[in-house]
């Protein structure tokens, strides 16, 4: 059993943009088939630049705020409650285009095939 409270977790810099903070809720070994689950806070204008992952799916769920996700060059709006799945090898970037912080939960799941 593992119980985690966001209030007990420390802020860490995001790998893709150290100016953006994240809290890692679960990581490799905490649950089967999960690489990482975390929460990221984007201030207005902050962006995770385009990148891809060859060996994992990434799922983004917006808790509050708004922005855009660009996948393979196509832009898709993000708003509270929206959920987006990015496939392995799909270039993607996330940007807060709103006027308030955007709170995002991410799930990283290794590709099994």
Protein backbone atom coordinates (compact mmCIF):
# COMPACT_ATOMS: atom_id res chain seq x y z
CA UNK A 1 0.00 0.00 0.00
CA UNK A 2 1.11 3.54 -0.72
CA UNK A 3 -0.73 6.69 0.32
CA UNK A 4 0.40 10.04 -1.06
CA UNK A 5 -0.75 13.56 -0.25
CA UNK A 6 0.11 16.40 -2.64
CA UNK A 7 0.70 18.67 0.36
CA UNK A 8 3.57 16.40 1.47
CA UNK A 9 5.35 16.38 -1.89
CA UNK A 10 8.12 18.80 -2.82
CA UNK A 11 8.13 20.83 -6.01
CA UNK A 12 10.65 19.62 -8.58
CA UNK A 13 11.67 21.26 -11.85
CA UNK A 14 10.17 19.75 -14.99
CA UNK A 15 12.69 17.87 -17.13
CA UNK A 16 11.59 19.67 -20.31
CA UNK A 17 11.44 23.19 -18.79
CA UNK A 18 13.03 23.67 -15.34
CA UNK A 19 11.05 26.92 -14.82
CA UNK A 20 7.87 24.81 -14.58
CA UNK A 21 7.34 23.00 -11.28
CA UNK A 22 5.89 19.52 -10.81
CA UNK A 23 5.07 17.12 -7.99
CA UNK A 24 5.66 13.43 -8.68
CA UNK A 25 2.80 11.46 -7.13
CA UNK A 26 3.88 7.96 -8.21
CA UNK A 27 6.99 6.76 -10.00
CA UNK A 28 8.43 3.55 -11.44
CA UNK A 29 7.93 0.66 -9.02
CA UNK A 30 5.03 2.21 -7.09
CA UNK A 31 2.35 0.51 -9.24
CA UNK A 32 2.49 -1.95 -12.13
CA UNK A 33 2.67 -0.51 -15.65
CA UNK A 34 3.09 3.09 -14.43
CA UNK A 35 6.25 5.07 -15.09
CA UNK A 36 5.07 8.23 -13.37
CA UNK A 37 2.00 10.20 -12.26
CA UNK A 38 2.40 13.82 -11.34
CA UNK A 39 0.94 17.28 -11.14
CA UNK A 40 2.40 20.23 -13.06
CA UNK A 41 1.65 23.92 -12.55
CA UNK A 42 2.09 26.15 -15.61
CA UNK A 43 2.15 29.90 -15.03
CA UNK A 44 0.66 32.04 -17.83
CA UNK A 45 2.87 31.84 -20.91
CA UNK A 46 4.92 28.85 -19.74
CA UNK A 47 5.55 26.08 -22.24
CA UNK A 48 6.98 22.58 -22.31
CA UNK A 49 8.76 22.58 -25.69
CA UNK A 50 8.13 19.98 -28.37
CA UNK A 51 9.49 16.52 -27.59
CA UNK A 52 8.47 12.89 -27.93
CA UNK A 53 8.89 9.64 -26.02
CA UNK A 54 9.77 6.53 -27.99
CA UNK A 55 8.67 4.07 -25.34
CA UNK A 56 5.65 5.48 -23.50
CA UNK A 57 2.17 6.93 -23.74
CA UNK A 58 1.46 10.18 -21.94
CA UNK A 59 -1.96 11.22 -20.69
CA UNK A 60 -2.71 14.82 -19.69
CA UNK A 61 -5.76 15.81 -17.63
CA UNK A 62 -6.41 19.51 -17.00
CA UNK A 63 -7.65 20.27 -13.47
CA UNK A 64 -7.87 24.06 -13.85
CA UNK A 65 -6.86 26.83 -16.20
CA UNK A 66 -6.51 26.64 -19.96
CA UNK A 67 -3.96 26.28 -22.70
CA UNK A 68 -3.11 24.30 -25.80
CA UNK A 69 -1.38 21.06 -26.66
CA UNK A 70 0.32 20.72 -30.02
CA UNK A 71 0.60 17.14 -31.27
CA UNK A 72 2.28 16.44 -34.61
CA UNK A 73 1.96 20.16 -35.38
CA UNK A 74 -1.82 20.32 -34.80
CA UNK A 75 -3.08 22.58 -32.00
CA UNK A 76 -5.80 21.38 -29.61
CA UNK A 77 -7.39 23.46 -26.82
CA UNK A 78 -7.01 22.43 -23.17
CA UNK A 79 -9.49 23.40 -20.48
CA UNK A 80 -10.58 22.16 -17.07
CA UNK A 81 -11.68 18.55 -17.32
CA UNK A 82 -10.14 17.84 -20.72
CA UNK A 83 -8.02 14.73 -21.19
CA UNK A 84 -5.51 14.07 -23.98
CA UNK A 85 -3.57 10.90 -24.80
CA UNK A 86 -0.25 11.22 -26.64
CA UNK A 87 1.05 8.10 -28.36
CA UNK A 88 4.71 6.99 -28.42
CA UNK A 89 6.85 8.96 -30.93
CA UNK A 90 4.25 11.75 -31.29
CA UNK A 91 5.95 15.15 -30.98
CA UNK A 92 4.00 17.24 -28.47
CA UNK A 93 4.24 20.48 -26.51
CA UNK A 94 2.00 22.01 -23.86
CA UNK A 95 1.50 25.74 -23.32
CA UNK A 96 -0.53 27.82 -20.88
CA UNK A 97 -2.20 30.40 -23.12
CA UNK A 98 -4.56 31.60 -20.39
CA UNK A 99 -4.28 34.42 -17.86
CA UNK A 100 -4.19 32.17 -14.77
CA UNK A 101 -2.15 29.14 -13.74
CA UNK A 102 -2.97 25.87 -15.48
CA UNK A 103 -2.90 22.76 -13.29
CA UNK A 104 -2.27 19.52 -15.16
CA UNK A 105 -2.14 15.90 -14.00
CA UNK A 106 0.01 13.62 -16.16
CA UNK A 107 0.25 9.85 -16.43
CA UNK A 108 3.26 8.20 -18.09
CA UNK A 109 2.65 4.61 -19.13
CA UNK A 110 5.41 2.51 -20.74
CA UNK A 111 4.57 0.95 -24.10
CA UNK A 112 4.20 -2.78 -23.71
CA UNK A 113 4.51 -3.56 -27.42
